[in-house]
Amino acid sequence: MTKVLILGANGSIARVAIELFLKERDAQLTLYLRNSRRLKKIASNRVRVIEGDVLEIETLKEAMMGQDVVYANLAGNLEQMAKTIVEAMNATGVKRLIWISSMGIYDEVPGQRYSSILDSYRNSAGIIEVSDLDFTILRPGWFTNKDEIDYETTQKGEPFKGHDVSRKSVADLIVKLAETPGLEIRKSLGVNKPE
């Protein structure tokens, strides 16, 4: 049974991923978020909830103890969050990280120029890429709420394809990455719906 720590557990992709983990896998989930009252009640003995801020390193390290995978679905001061997560993972010996970023951080979207609005995504990805963690960075397109699993991926250095992707598709990829040891380790993947 894979033990997965979900940081930012009330995020729009995280909520879909939680549903997929519980419905299709036997993973043990630790849901980490600042305000647990915002989280819909989940009736499962495979879920525990921890209230805390990702920047609180001692609380974060306690949550990480014994985990197999850390999946980070965050917003805010992403650079400092990335530093804190890498430090906590190194301290606890957890190696596997799935990090949600954004398309466009490498200037890989044809016809679009890199925008400073992506600086925190780009810089946080850079912090993770120089770590010795078994990371996978996901760079999804614009999110849709379509009830579909239909996506393709591109590697860092390849042009991004398409422009949107369903939350359910990204969640499906997260579950596959968490449950498949060695899949796309130390890679940065663009994620989009095929056109």
C-alpha atoms as a PDB file:
ATOM      1  CA  MET A   1       0.000   0.000   0.000  1.00  0.00           C
ATOM      2  CA  THR A   2       1.561   3.285  -1.134  1.00  0.00           C
ATOM      3  CA  LYS A   3       1.584   6.080   1.440  1.00  0.00           C
ATOM      4  CA  VAL A   4       1.029   9.452  -0.205  1.00  0.00           C
ATOM      5  CA  LEU A   5       1.318  12.865   1.449  1.00  0.00           C
ATOM      6  CA  ILE A   6      -0.765  15.433  -0.445  1.00  0.00           C
ATOM      7  CA  LEU A   7       0.320  19.030   0.196  1.00  0.00           C
ATOM      8  CA  GLY A   8      -2.390  21.550  -0.645  1.00  0.00           C
ATOM      9  CA  ALA A   9      -5.039  18.860  -0.329  1.00  0.00           C
ATOM     10  CA  ASN A  10      -7.965  21.199  -0.988  1.00  0.00           C
ATOM     11  CA  GLY A  11      -6.644  22.248  -4.406  1.00  0.00           C
ATOM     12  CA  SER A  12      -8.814  21.606  -7.446  1.00  0.00           C
ATOM     13  CA  ILE A  13      -6.578  18.865  -8.871  1.00  0.00           C
ATOM     14  CA  ALA A  14      -5.809  17.391  -5.454  1.00  0.00           C
ATOM     15  CA  ARG A  15      -9.521  16.848  -4.734  1.00  0.00           C
ATOM     16  CA  VAL A  16      -9.899  14.870  -7.975  1.00  0.00           C
ATOM     17  CA  ALA A  17      -6.686  12.931  -7.286  1.00  0.00           C
ATOM     18  CA  ILE A  18      -7.916  12.031  -3.780  1.00  0.00           C
ATOM     19  CA  GLU A  19     -11.105  10.643  -5.294  1.00  0.00           C
ATOM     20  CA  LEU A  20      -9.139   8.563  -7.835  1.00  0.00           C
ATOM     21  CA  PHE A  21      -6.703   7.251  -5.208  1.00  0.00           C
ATOM     22  CA  LEU A  22      -9.575   6.119  -2.997  1.00  0.00           C
ATOM     23  CA  LYS A  23     -11.736   4.694  -5.780  1.00  0.00           C
ATOM     24  CA  GLU A  24      -9.110   2.964  -7.933  1.00  0.00           C
ATOM     25  CA  ARG A  25      -6.113   2.254  -5.671  1.00  0.00           C
ATOM     26  CA  ASP A  26      -5.428   1.137  -2.124  1.00  0.00           C
ATOM     27  CA  ALA A  27      -3.162   4.068  -1.222  1.00  0.00           C
ATOM     28  CA  GLN A  28      -2.984   5.448   2.305  1.00  0.00           C
ATOM     29  CA  LEU A  29      -3.426   9.244   2.087  1.00  0.00           C
ATOM     30  CA  THR A  30      -2.253  12.011   4.391  1.00  0.00           C
ATOM     31  CA  LEU A  31      -3.989  15.260   3.469  1.00  0.00           C
ATOM     32  CA  TYR A  32      -2.042  18.347   4.504  1.00  0.00           C
ATOM     33  CA  LEU A  33      -3.619  21.790   4.322  1.00  0.00           C
ATOM     34  CA  ARG A  34      -3.816  25.059   6.222  1.00  0.00           C
ATOM     35  CA  ASN A  35      -7.531  24.908   7.045  1.00  0.00           C
ATOM     36  CA  SER A  36      -8.997  21.414   7.345  1.00  0.00           C
ATOM     37  CA  ARG A  37     -12.552  22.789   7.665  1.00  0.00           C
ATOM     38  CA  ARG A  38     -12.399  23.673   3.961  1.00  0.00           C
ATOM     39  CA  LEU A  39     -11.977  20.013   3.053  1.00  0.00           C
ATOM     40  CA  LYS A  40     -15.070  18.006   2.257  1.00  0.00           C
ATOM     41  CA  LYS A  41     -15.593  15.185   4.773  1.00  0.00           C
ATOM     42  CA  ILE A  42     -14.043  11.987   3.439  1.00  0.00           C
ATOM     43  CA  ALA A  43     -15.333   8.740   4.904  1.00  0.00           C
ATOM     44  CA  SER A  44     -12.348   6.418   4.619  1.00  0.00           C
ATOM     45  CA  ASN A  45     -10.053   4.676   7.065  1.00  0.00           C
ATOM     46  CA  ARG A  46      -7.240   5.240   4.529  1.00  0.00           C
ATOM     47  CA  VAL A  47      -7.223   9.023   5.064  1.00  0.00           C
ATOM     48  CA  ARG A  48      -5.766  11.173   7.786  1.00  0.00           C
ATOM     49  CA  VAL A  49      -5.831  14.965   7.808  1.00  0.00           C
ATOM     50  CA  ILE A  50      -3.087  17.234   9.131  1.00  0.00           C
ATOM     51  CA  GLU A  51      -3.610  20.962   9.460  1.00  0.00           C
ATOM     52  CA  GLY A  52      -0.443  22.943   8.832  1.00  0.00           C
ATOM     53  CA  ASP A  53       1.427  25.351   6.603  1.00  0.00           C
ATOM     54  CA  VAL A  54       4.017  23.958   4.184  1.00  0.00           C
ATOM     55  CA  LEU A  55       6.458  26.580   5.470  1.00  0.00           C
ATOM     56  CA  GLU A  56       6.247  25.119   9.013  1.00  0.00           C
ATOM     57  CA  ILE A  57       9.131  22.692   8.576  1.00  0.00           C
ATOM     58  CA  GLU A  58       8.732  20.747  11.828  1.00  0.00           C
ATOM     59  CA  THR A  59       5.031  20.045  11.182  1.00  0.00           C
ATOM     60  CA  LEU A  60       5.872  19.176   7.602  1.00  0.00           C
ATOM     61  CA  LYS A  61       8.616  16.745   8.651  1.00  0.00           C
ATOM     62  CA  GLU A  62       6.219  15.038  11.087  1.00  0.00           C
ATOM     63  CA  ALA A  63       3.688  14.599   8.259  1.00  0.00           C
ATOM     64  CA  MET A  64       6.403  13.206   5.945  1.00  0.00           C
ATOM     65  CA  MET A  65       7.637  10.504   8.308  1.00  0.00           C
ATOM     66  CA  GLY A  66       6.920   7.078   6.791  1.00  0.00           C
ATOM     67  CA  GLN A  67       5.549   8.405   3.500  1.00  0.00           C
ATOM     68  CA  ASP A  68       6.459   6.895   0.118  1.00  0.00           C
ATOM     69  CA  VAL A  69       5.428   9.833  -2.083  1.00  0.00           C
ATOM     70  CA  VAL A  70       4.945  13.577  -1.615  1.00  0.00           C
ATOM     71  CA  TYR A  71       2.548  15.228  -4.058  1.00  0.00           C
ATOM     72  CA  ALA A  72       2.618  19.051  -3.898  1.00  0.00           C
ATOM     73  CA  ASN A  73      -0.271  21.034  -5.346  1.00  0.00           C
ATOM     74  CA  LEU A  74       0.472  24.542  -4.046  1.00  0.00           C
ATOM     75  CA  ALA A  75       0.032  28.268  -4.611  1.00  0.00           C
ATOM     76  CA  GLY A  76       1.711  31.243  -2.983  1.00  0.00           C
ATOM     77  CA  ASN A  77       5.405  31.586  -2.193  1.00  0.00           C
ATOM     78  CA  LEU A  78       6.382  28.605  -4.332  1.00  0.00           C
ATOM     79  CA  GLU A  79      10.133  29.192  -4.154  1.00  0.00           C
ATOM     80  CA  GLN A  80      10.222  29.121  -0.350  1.00  0.00           C
ATOM     81  CA  MET A  81       7.765  26.207  -0.326  1.00  0.00           C
ATOM     82  CA  ALA A  82      10.014  24.238  -2.689  1.00  0.00           C
ATOM     83  CA  LYS A  83      13.065  24.921  -0.480  1.00  0.00           C
ATOM     84  CA  THR A  84      11.188  23.837   2.657  1.00  0.00           C
ATOM     85  CA  ILE A  85       9.814  20.680   1.026  1.00  0.00           C
ATOM     86  CA  VAL A  86      13.229  19.658  -0.322  1.00  0.00           C
ATOM     87  CA  GLU A  87      14.774  20.271   3.118  1.00  0.00           C
ATOM     88  CA  ALA A  88      12.030  18.264   4.882  1.00  0.00           C
ATOM     89  CA  MET A  89      12.297  15.404   2.385  1.00  0.00           C
ATOM     90  CA  ASN A  90      16.068  15.261   2.796  1.00  0.00           C
ATOM     91  CA  ALA A  91      15.663  15.246   6.587  1.00  0.00           C
ATOM     92  CA  THR A  92      13.072  12.436   6.569  1.00  0.00           C
ATOM     93  CA  GLY A  93      14.585  10.332   3.778  1.00  0.00           C
ATOM     94  CA  VAL A  94      11.511  10.539   1.529  1.00  0.00           C
ATOM     95  CA  LYS A  95      12.727  10.628  -2.098  1.00  0.00           C
ATOM     96  CA  ARG A  96       9.666  10.702  -4.406  1.00  0.00           C
ATOM     97  CA  LEU A  97       8.145  14.120  -5.200  1.00  0.00           C
ATOM     98  CA  ILE A  98       5.404  15.011  -7.673  1.00  0.00           C
ATOM     99  CA  TRP A  99       5.317  18.804  -8.118  1.00  0.00           C
ATOM    100  CA  ILE A 100       2.622  20.734  -9.998  1.00  0.00           C
ATOM    101  CA  SER A 101       3.980  23.703 -11.938  1.00  0.00           C
ATOM    102  CA  SER A 102       2.702  25.460 -15.074  1.00  0.00           C
ATOM    103  CA  MET A 103       3.091  25.267 -18.812  1.00  0.00           C
ATOM    104  CA  GLY A 104       5.335  27.980 -20.212  1.00  0.00           C
ATOM    105  CA  ILE A 105       8.061  28.007 -17.550  1.00  0.00           C
ATOM    106  CA  TYR A 106      10.731  27.032 -20.089  1.00  0.00           C
ATOM    107  CA  ASP A 107       9.377  29.197 -22.919  1.00  0.00           C
ATOM    108  CA  GLU A 108       8.153  25.944 -24.484  1.00  0.00           C
ATOM    109  CA  VAL A 109       4.681  27.049 -25.619  1.00  0.00           C
ATOM    110  CA  PRO A 110       4.780  27.829 -29.348  1.00  0.00           C
ATOM    111  CA  GLY A 111       3.717  31.383 -30.133  1.00  0.00           C
ATOM    112  CA  GLN A 112       3.965  32.573 -26.512  1.00  0.00           C
ATOM    113  CA  ARG A 113       6.774  34.386 -24.752  1.00  0.00           C
ATOM    114  CA  TYR A 114       7.854  33.656 -21.192  1.00  0.00           C
ATOM    115  CA  SER A 115       5.981  35.923 -18.796  1.00  0.00           C
ATOM    116  CA  SER A 116       7.224  37.165 -15.415  1.00  0.00           C
ATOM    117  CA  ILE A 117       3.944  35.923 -13.908  1.00  0.00           C
ATOM    118  CA  LEU A 118       5.523  32.459 -14.199  1.00  0.00           C
ATOM    119  CA  ASP A 119       8.693  33.397 -12.273  1.00  0.00           C
ATOM    120  CA  SER A 120       7.675  31.641  -9.055  1.00  0.00           C
ATOM    121  CA  TYR A 121       6.761  28.477 -11.009  1.00  0.00           C
ATOM    122  CA  ARG A 122      10.014  28.559 -12.960  1.00  0.00           C
ATOM    123  CA  ASN A 123      12.203  29.302  -9.923  1.00  0.00           C
ATOM    124  CA  SER A 124      10.561  26.648  -7.742  1.00  0.00           C
ATOM    125  CA  ALA A 125      10.994  24.076 -10.518  1.00  0.00           C
ATOM    126  CA  GLY A 126      14.664  25.055 -10.669  1.00  0.00           C
ATOM    127  CA  ILE A 127      15.056  24.409  -6.928  1.00  0.00           C
ATOM    128  CA  ILE A 128      13.551  20.955  -7.308  1.00  0.00           C
ATOM    129  CA  GLU A 129      15.575  20.110 -10.425  1.00  0.00           C
ATOM    130  CA  VAL A 130      18.899  20.670  -8.625  1.00  0.00           C
ATOM    131  CA  SER A 131      17.842  18.539  -5.642  1.00  0.00           C
ATOM    132  CA  ASP A 132      18.728  14.861  -5.450  1.00  0.00           C
ATOM    133  CA  LEU A 133      15.059  13.875  -5.102  1.00  0.00           C
ATOM    134  CA  ASP A 134      13.224  11.473  -7.409  1.00  0.00           C
ATOM    135  CA  PHE A 135      11.000  14.256  -8.701  1.00  0.00           C
ATOM    136  CA  THR A 136       8.515  14.577 -11.511  1.00  0.00           C
ATOM    137  CA  ILE A 137       7.436  18.128 -12.340  1.00  0.00           C
ATOM    138  CA  LEU A 138       4.094  18.422 -14.137  1.00  0.00           C
ATOM    139  CA  ARG A 139       3.419  21.443 -16.357  1.00  0.00           C
ATOM    140  CA  PRO A 140      -0.271  21.209 -17.231  1.00  0.00           C
ATOM    141  CA  GLY A 141      -2.136  23.374 -19.694  1.00  0.00           C
ATOM    142  CA  TRP A 142      -5.194  25.443 -18.768  1.00  0.00           C
ATOM    143  CA  PHE A 143      -7.558  23.383 -16.623  1.00  0.00           C
ATOM    144  CA  THR A 144     -11.018  22.290 -17.689  1.00  0.00           C
ATOM    145  CA  ASN A 145     -13.660  20.506 -15.610  1.00  0.00           C
ATOM    146  CA  LYS A 146     -14.462  17.964 -18.328  1.00  0.00           C
ATOM    147  CA  ASP A 147     -15.181  14.467 -17.038  1.00  0.00           C
ATOM    148  CA  GLU A 148     -12.522  12.850 -19.215  1.00  0.00           C
ATOM    149  CA  ILE A 149      -9.122  11.271 -19.038  1.00  0.00           C
ATOM    150  CA  ASP A 150      -7.483  12.297 -22.298  1.00  0.00           C
ATOM    151  CA  TYR A 151      -3.930  13.626 -22.239  1.00  0.00           C
ATOM    152  CA  GLU A 152      -0.475  13.421 -23.730  1.00  0.00           C
ATOM    153  CA  THR A 153       2.863  14.508 -22.307  1.00  0.00           C
ATOM    154  CA  THR A 154       5.929  16.285 -23.627  1.00  0.00           C
ATOM    155  CA  GLN A 155       9.409  16.298 -22.107  1.00  0.00           C
ATOM    156  CA  LYS A 156      11.384  19.363 -21.053  1.00  0.00           C
ATOM    157  CA  GLY A 157      13.006  20.768 -24.184  1.00  0.00           C
ATOM    158  CA  GLU A 158      10.115  19.729 -26.453  1.00  0.00           C
ATOM    159  CA  PRO A 159       7.464  22.202 -27.651  1.00  0.00           C
ATOM    160  CA  PHE A 160       4.289  22.122 -25.567  1.00  0.00           C
ATOM    161  CA  LYS A 161       1.300  20.711 -27.474  1.00  0.00           C
ATOM    162  CA  GLY A 162      -2.245  21.991 -27.151  1.00  0.00           C
ATOM    163  CA  HIS A 163      -3.345  24.470 -24.524  1.00  0.00           C
ATOM    164  CA  ASP A 164      -5.803  22.827 -22.123  1.00  0.00           C
ATOM    165  CA  VAL A 165      -6.286  19.631 -20.125  1.00  0.00           C
ATOM    166  CA  SER A 166      -8.928  18.318 -17.746  1.00  0.00           C
ATOM    167  CA  ARG A 167      -8.247  18.253 -14.024  1.00  0.00           C
ATOM    168  CA  LYS A 168      -9.243  14.586 -14.114  1.00  0.00           C
ATOM    169  CA  SER A 169      -6.492  13.889 -16.685  1.00  0.00           C
ATOM    170  CA  VAL A 170      -3.820  15.538 -14.530  1.00  0.00           C
ATOM    171  CA  ALA A 171      -5.119  13.658 -11.469  1.00  0.00           C
ATOM    172  CA  ASP A 172      -4.934  10.373 -13.395  1.00  0.00           C
ATOM    173  CA  LEU A 173      -1.286  11.042 -14.249  1.00  0.00           C
ATOM    174  CA  ILE A 174      -0.509  11.939 -10.614  1.00  0.00           C
ATOM    175  CA  VAL A 175      -1.997   8.641  -9.418  1.00  0.00           C
ATOM    176  CA  LYS A 176      -0.003   6.682 -12.032  1.00  0.00           C
ATOM    177  CA  LEU A 177       3.229   8.453 -11.054  1.00  0.00           C
ATOM    178  CA  ALA A 178       2.615   7.857  -7.339  1.00  0.00           C
ATOM    179  CA  GLU A 179       1.765   4.187  -7.811  1.00  0.00           C
ATOM    180  CA  THR A 180       4.460   3.265 -10.358  1.00  0.00           C
ATOM    181  CA  PRO A 181       7.984   3.254  -8.916  1.00  0.00           C
ATOM    182  CA  GLY A 182      10.544   4.620 -11.348  1.00  0.00           C
ATOM    183  CA  LEU A 183       8.025   6.215 -13.748  1.00  0.00           C
ATOM    184  CA  GLU A 184       9.269   9.537 -15.221  1.00  0.00           C
ATOM    185  CA  ILE A 185      11.865  10.077 -12.471  1.00  0.00           C
ATOM    186  CA  ARG A 186      13.765  13.399 -12.682  1.00  0.00           C
ATOM    187  CA  LYS A 187      11.576  14.522 -15.569  1.00  0.00           C
ATOM    188  CA  SER A 188       9.526  17.648 -16.260  1.00  0.00           C
ATOM    189  CA  LEU A 189       6.392  16.802 -18.221  1.00  0.00           C
ATOM    190  CA  GLY A 190       4.092  19.069 -20.160  1.00  0.00           C
ATOM    191  CA  VAL A 191       0.518  17.760 -19.921  1.00  0.00           C
ATOM    192  CA  ASN A 192      -2.206  18.610 -22.430  1.00  0.00           C
ATOM    193  CA  LYS A 193      -5.237  17.208 -24.203  1.00  0.00           C
ATOM    194  CA  PRO A 194      -4.261  15.987 -27.679  1.00  0.00           C
ATOM    195  CA  GLU A 195      -5.581  18.237 -30.447  1.00  0.00           C
END
